[in-house]
Protein backbone atom coordinates (compact mmCIF):
# COMPACT_ATOMS: atom_id res chain seq x y z
CA MET A 1 0.74 25.77 -17.14
CA ARG A 2 -2.30 27.45 -15.60
CA TYR A 3 -0.53 27.81 -12.25
CA LEU A 4 2.60 29.24 -13.86
CA GLU A 5 0.59 31.83 -15.77
CA ARG A 6 -1.22 32.87 -12.59
CA PHE A 7 1.99 33.00 -10.56
CA PHE A 8 4.10 35.00 -13.01
CA GLY A 9 1.12 37.19 -13.88
CA LYS A 10 0.80 38.11 -10.21
CA TYR A 11 4.47 38.45 -9.22
CA ARG A 12 7.55 39.95 -10.87
CA ILE A 13 10.34 37.49 -10.13
CA THR A 14 13.82 38.96 -10.64
CA ASP A 15 15.93 36.90 -8.23
CA LYS A 16 15.79 34.19 -5.57
CA ALA A 17 14.71 36.63 -2.88
CA SER A 18 11.67 37.80 -4.86
CA LEU A 19 10.76 34.17 -5.59
CA ASP A 20 10.96 33.31 -1.91
CA GLU A 21 8.89 36.37 -0.97
CA ALA A 22 6.18 35.48 -3.48
CA LEU A 23 5.94 31.90 -2.23
CA VAL A 24 5.69 33.08 1.37
CA LYS A 25 2.78 35.35 0.39
CA GLU A 26 1.06 32.36 -1.24
CA ASN A 27 1.75 30.24 1.86
CA TYR A 28 3.63 27.80 -0.40
CA ASN A 29 0.49 26.84 -2.31
CA ARG A 30 1.07 23.26 -3.54
CA GLY A 31 -0.25 24.01 -7.03
CA PHE A 32 2.21 26.86 -7.49
CA ALA A 33 5.09 24.96 -5.87
CA LYS A 34 4.63 21.78 -7.93
CA SER A 35 4.33 23.77 -11.17
CA LEU A 36 7.42 25.81 -10.36
CA ARG A 37 9.40 22.66 -9.56
CA ASN A 38 8.35 21.14 -12.87
CA PHE A 39 9.40 24.36 -14.59
CA ILE A 40 12.90 24.47 -13.07
CA THR A 41 13.34 20.77 -13.89
CA PHE A 42 12.50 21.63 -17.51
CA LEU A 43 15.06 24.46 -17.45
CA LYS A 44 17.75 22.16 -16.03
CA ASN A 45 17.05 19.42 -18.57
CA ARG A 46 17.33 21.96 -21.40
CA GLY A 47 20.65 23.23 -20.05
CA LEU A 48 19.22 26.68 -19.33
CA ILE A 49 20.23 26.54 -15.66
CA SER A 50 23.01 24.61 -13.94
CA ARG A 51 22.46 21.77 -11.50
CA THR A 52 23.63 24.03 -8.66
CA GLU A 53 21.10 26.71 -9.63
CA TYR A 54 18.42 24.05 -9.90
CA LEU A 55 19.13 22.74 -6.38
CA ASP A 56 19.18 26.28 -4.96
CA LEU A 57 15.79 27.02 -6.51
CA LYS A 58 14.40 23.69 -5.37
CA ASP A 59 15.36 24.54 -1.78
CA ILE A 60 13.34 27.76 -2.06
CA ILE A 61 10.31 26.10 -3.67
CA LYS A 62 9.20 24.06 -0.68
CA LEU A 63 6.32 21.58 -0.94
CA LYS A 64 3.89 21.74 1.94
CA PRO A 65 2.91 18.39 3.48
CA THR A 66 -0.37 17.07 2.13
CA GLY A 67 -1.80 16.65 5.61
CA VAL A 68 -3.11 13.18 4.79
CA ARG A 69 -4.09 11.54 8.06
CA ARG A 70 -3.33 7.95 8.89
CA VAL A 71 -6.31 5.67 8.54
CA TYR A 72 -6.98 3.28 11.40
CA VAL A 73 -9.36 0.47 10.52
CA SER A 74 -11.12 -1.70 13.09
CA ASP A 75 -11.82 -5.43 12.91
CA GLU A 76 -15.50 -4.57 12.50
CA GLN A 77 -14.80 -2.37 9.49
CA ILE A 78 -12.72 -5.15 7.93
CA ARG A 79 -15.70 -7.51 8.25
CA ILE A 80 -18.26 -4.95 7.03
CA ALA A 81 -16.17 -4.24 3.93
CA TYR A 82 -16.00 -7.99 3.28
CA GLU A 83 -19.80 -8.23 3.40
CA TYR A 84 -19.98 -5.33 0.95
CA TYR A 85 -17.57 -6.96 -1.51
CA LEU A 86 -19.45 -10.26 -1.27
CA GLN A 87 -22.61 -8.51 -2.46
CA LYS A 88 -20.78 -6.50 -5.11
CA ASP A 89 -18.64 -9.16 -6.82
CA PRO A 90 -17.52 -12.67 -5.69
CA LEU A 91 -14.12 -12.23 -7.38
CA LEU A 92 -13.58 -8.92 -5.59
CA ALA A 93 -14.49 -10.62 -2.31
CA LEU A 94 -11.96 -13.38 -2.97
CA ILE A 95 -9.21 -10.85 -3.67
CA TYR A 96 -10.20 -9.02 -0.51
CA GLU A 97 -9.97 -12.24 1.52
CA ALA A 98 -6.48 -12.80 0.11
CA LEU A 99 -5.47 -9.31 1.26
CA VAL A 100 -6.91 -9.79 4.74
CA TYR A 101 -5.32 -13.19 5.23
CA SER A 102 -1.89 -12.40 3.78
CA GLY A 103 -1.27 -8.69 4.37
CA GLN A 104 0.28 -8.54 0.90
CA ARG A 105 0.18 -5.61 -1.52
CA LEU A 106 -2.74 -5.64 -3.95
CA LYS A 107 -0.37 -5.63 -6.95
CA HIS A 108 1.30 -8.78 -5.68
CA ILE A 109 -2.00 -10.57 -5.06
CA VAL A 110 -3.21 -9.71 -8.56
CA ARG A 111 0.03 -10.97 -10.12
CA MET A 112 -0.16 -14.11 -8.01
CA LEU A 113 -3.69 -14.87 -9.20
CA ASN A 114 -2.76 -14.15 -12.82
CA GLU A 115 0.01 -16.75 -12.58
CA PHE A 116 -1.47 -19.06 -9.94
CA ASP A 117 -0.40 -22.71 -9.99
CA PRO A 118 -2.02 -24.86 -7.25
CA ASP A 119 0.88 -27.33 -7.43
CA LYS A 120 3.14 -24.64 -5.96
CA LEU A 121 1.19 -24.40 -2.70
CA VAL A 122 3.23 -25.47 0.33
CA LEU A 123 1.19 -26.83 3.24
CA TYR A 124 2.10 -26.23 6.87
CA GLY A 125 0.07 -28.55 9.06
CA ASP A 126 -3.69 -28.71 8.65
CA THR A 127 -4.37 -24.99 8.89
CA VAL A 128 -1.81 -23.03 6.84
CA ALA A 129 -0.71 -22.89 3.21
CA LYS A 130 1.81 -20.56 1.64
CA TYR A 131 2.43 -19.63 -1.97
CA PRO A 132 5.89 -18.71 -3.34
CA MET A 133 6.05 -15.05 -4.34
CA SER A 134 9.66 -14.92 -5.53
CA GLY A 135 9.77 -12.98 -8.77
CA ILE A 136 6.29 -11.53 -8.32
CA GLY A 137 7.51 -8.44 -6.48
CA ARG A 138 9.52 -5.74 -8.23
CA GLY A 139 12.64 -3.90 -7.07
CA GLN A 140 12.84 -3.57 -3.29
CA LYS A 141 9.13 -4.36 -2.87
CA GLN A 142 9.53 -8.11 -2.87
CA THR A 143 8.36 -10.94 -0.69
CA PHE A 144 9.08 -14.63 -0.31
CA TRP A 145 5.69 -16.12 0.57
CA ALA A 146 2.00 -15.26 0.76
CA TYR A 147 0.42 -16.96 3.79
CA PHE A 148 -3.22 -18.09 3.84
CA PRO A 149 -5.58 -20.39 5.74
CA ARG A 150 -5.22 -23.78 4.07
CA GLU A 151 -8.88 -24.19 3.10
CA PHE A 152 -8.89 -20.73 1.50
CA ALA A 153 -5.68 -21.34 -0.44
CA GLU A 154 -7.00 -24.62 -1.79
CA ARG A 155 -9.96 -22.73 -3.32
CA LEU A 156 -7.72 -20.41 -5.31
CA GLU A 157 -7.27 -20.78 -9.04
CA ARG A 158 -5.71 -18.81 -11.87
CA VAL A 159 -7.78 -15.83 -13.03
CA ASP A 160 -7.13 -13.12 -15.61
CA ILE A 161 -7.66 -9.79 -13.84
CA SER A 162 -6.44 -6.23 -14.30
CA TYR A 163 -4.76 -4.47 -11.38
CA LYS A 164 -6.09 -1.04 -12.39
CA ARG A 165 -9.66 -2.27 -12.53
CA VAL A 166 -9.45 -4.08 -9.20
CA HIS A 167 -7.67 -1.18 -7.50
CA ALA A 168 -10.40 1.27 -8.49
CA ARG A 169 -13.20 -1.04 -7.36
CA MET A 170 -11.59 -1.77 -3.98
CA ARG A 171 -11.92 1.83 -2.84
CA VAL A 172 -15.11 2.53 -0.90
CA LYS A 173 -16.24 4.81 1.91
CA ILE A 174 -17.05 2.61 4.89
CA ARG A 175 -19.81 4.91 6.10
CA SER A 176 -21.57 4.47 2.77
CA ILE A 177 -21.95 0.79 3.70
CA ARG A 178 -22.98 1.23 7.29
CA ASN A 179 -22.66 3.88 9.98
CA THR A 180 -19.56 2.56 11.72
CA GLU A 181 -17.16 4.26 14.11
CA LYS A 182 -15.99 6.75 11.52
CA SER A 183 -16.06 7.29 7.79
CA VAL A 184 -12.83 6.26 6.09
CA VAL A 185 -11.86 5.80 2.48
CA PHE A 186 -11.27 2.08 2.50
CA SER A 187 -8.61 0.63 0.22
CA SER A 188 -6.17 -2.25 -0.13
CA SER A 189 -3.47 -0.21 1.62
CA ALA A 190 -5.80 0.23 4.61
CA VAL A 191 -6.12 -3.56 4.82
CA ARG A 192 -2.34 -3.93 4.75
CA LYS A 193 -1.94 -1.47 7.64
CA TRP A 194 -4.71 -3.21 9.57
CA PHE A 195 -3.01 -6.60 9.07
CA SER A 196 0.30 -5.47 10.56
CA GLY A 197 -1.51 -3.95 13.55
CA PHE A 198 -3.63 -7.07 14.05
CA LEU A 199 -0.59 -9.37 14.10
CA ALA A 200 1.25 -7.03 16.46
CA ARG A 201 -1.69 -7.18 18.89
CA GLN A 202 -1.45 -10.98 18.80
CA GLY A 203 2.15 -10.72 19.93
CA VAL A 204 3.85 -11.44 16.60
CA PRO A 205 7.36 -9.90 16.57
CA LEU A 206 7.70 -6.92 14.24
CA GLU A 207 10.50 -8.49 12.19
CA VAL A 208 8.26 -11.51 11.53
CA ILE A 209 5.41 -9.23 10.45
CA ASP A 210 7.78 -7.43 8.08
CA TYR A 211 8.88 -10.77 6.63
CA ILE A 212 5.31 -11.99 6.13
CA GLN A 213 4.33 -8.74 4.41
CA GLY A 214 7.53 -8.36 2.40
CA ARG A 215 8.21 -4.99 3.96
CA ALA A 216 11.95 -5.42 4.56
CA PRO A 217 14.23 -5.18 1.50
CA ARG A 218 14.94 -8.60 0.07
CA THR A 219 18.73 -8.28 0.38
CA VAL A 220 18.41 -7.43 4.07
CA ILE A 221 16.16 -10.43 4.69
CA GLU A 222 18.55 -12.79 2.91
CA ARG A 223 21.57 -11.45 4.78
CA HIS A 224 20.22 -11.15 8.31
CA TYR A 225 16.99 -13.10 8.73
CA LEU A 226 17.53 -16.57 7.31
CA ASN A 227 15.47 -18.12 10.11
CA LEU A 228 12.45 -15.87 9.60
CA GLU A 229 10.63 -18.33 7.37
CA LEU A 230 10.45 -20.87 10.20
CA LEU A 231 9.31 -18.19 12.63
CA ALA A 232 6.73 -16.91 10.14
CA ASP A 233 5.36 -20.44 9.67
CA GLU A 234 4.96 -20.88 13.42
CA TRP A 235 3.51 -17.46 14.15
CA TYR A 236 1.08 -17.48 11.24
CA SER A 237 -0.24 -20.89 12.29
CA ALA A 238 -0.78 -19.41 15.77
CA VAL A 239 -2.89 -16.47 14.50
CA VAL A 240 -4.63 -17.92 11.43
CA ASP A 241 -7.81 -18.85 13.32
CA ASP A 242 -8.04 -15.34 14.76
CA LEU A 243 -7.71 -13.87 11.26
CA LYS A 244 -10.56 -16.06 10.03
CA LYS A 245 -12.76 -15.00 12.94
CA VAL A 246 -12.50 -11.36 11.85
CA LEU A 247 -14.29 -12.10 8.57
CA GLU A 248 -16.64 -14.57 10.25
CA GLY A 249 -17.70 -12.03 12.84
CA GLY A 250 -16.08 -13.81 15.76
CA LYS A 251 -17.96 -17.06 15.23
């Protein structure tokens, strides 16, 4: 409301051209643009403007990109964050390990731990275990399995945790822990991006990485990639020791 009052107090809008001119003068300020878009949505929902008029106005009210830069996280930063979480809270450290080892979304890991049943673990050789994630994901963001080192998976147990609380506590500025290569706001999504890059550097095919992380839509996986589970088993067993070394500091 504050942005609308400022905008209409500053400019006299009589038609689309005057609206466009005012937005150009404001360099498409995101506060003004978002408020105006909310306003025209309100008008459309109340039947005060037609859908065609709404779409025409929406085309004029452009949203500038946020300019958020991609965060690249190094293996060292992954390990340093782990040391930080270990000191802060053992449960937080365990959740962090699960993220590093599996590349899963934080929401899925939290749901998995809330419902965890050790009898559902499937072992692959002496080094790998996977946990069924069917039904844990929602909509298109679904996955079949969460992969872990076997000894880590066998330590897991059911815990009652809140996603919102964990999500807030996972965020930390790396430079506030130690002066590393650069200061980044570290979060669970940063770990997920790091995981995909780490596996790619180990030579894991991109479609296998997508399968392991549940990135591809479930219907696409079922229709086109029925053999990916076998490939994921093999590739994860090939890289699991390297994943563990990241948290162990290369020991």
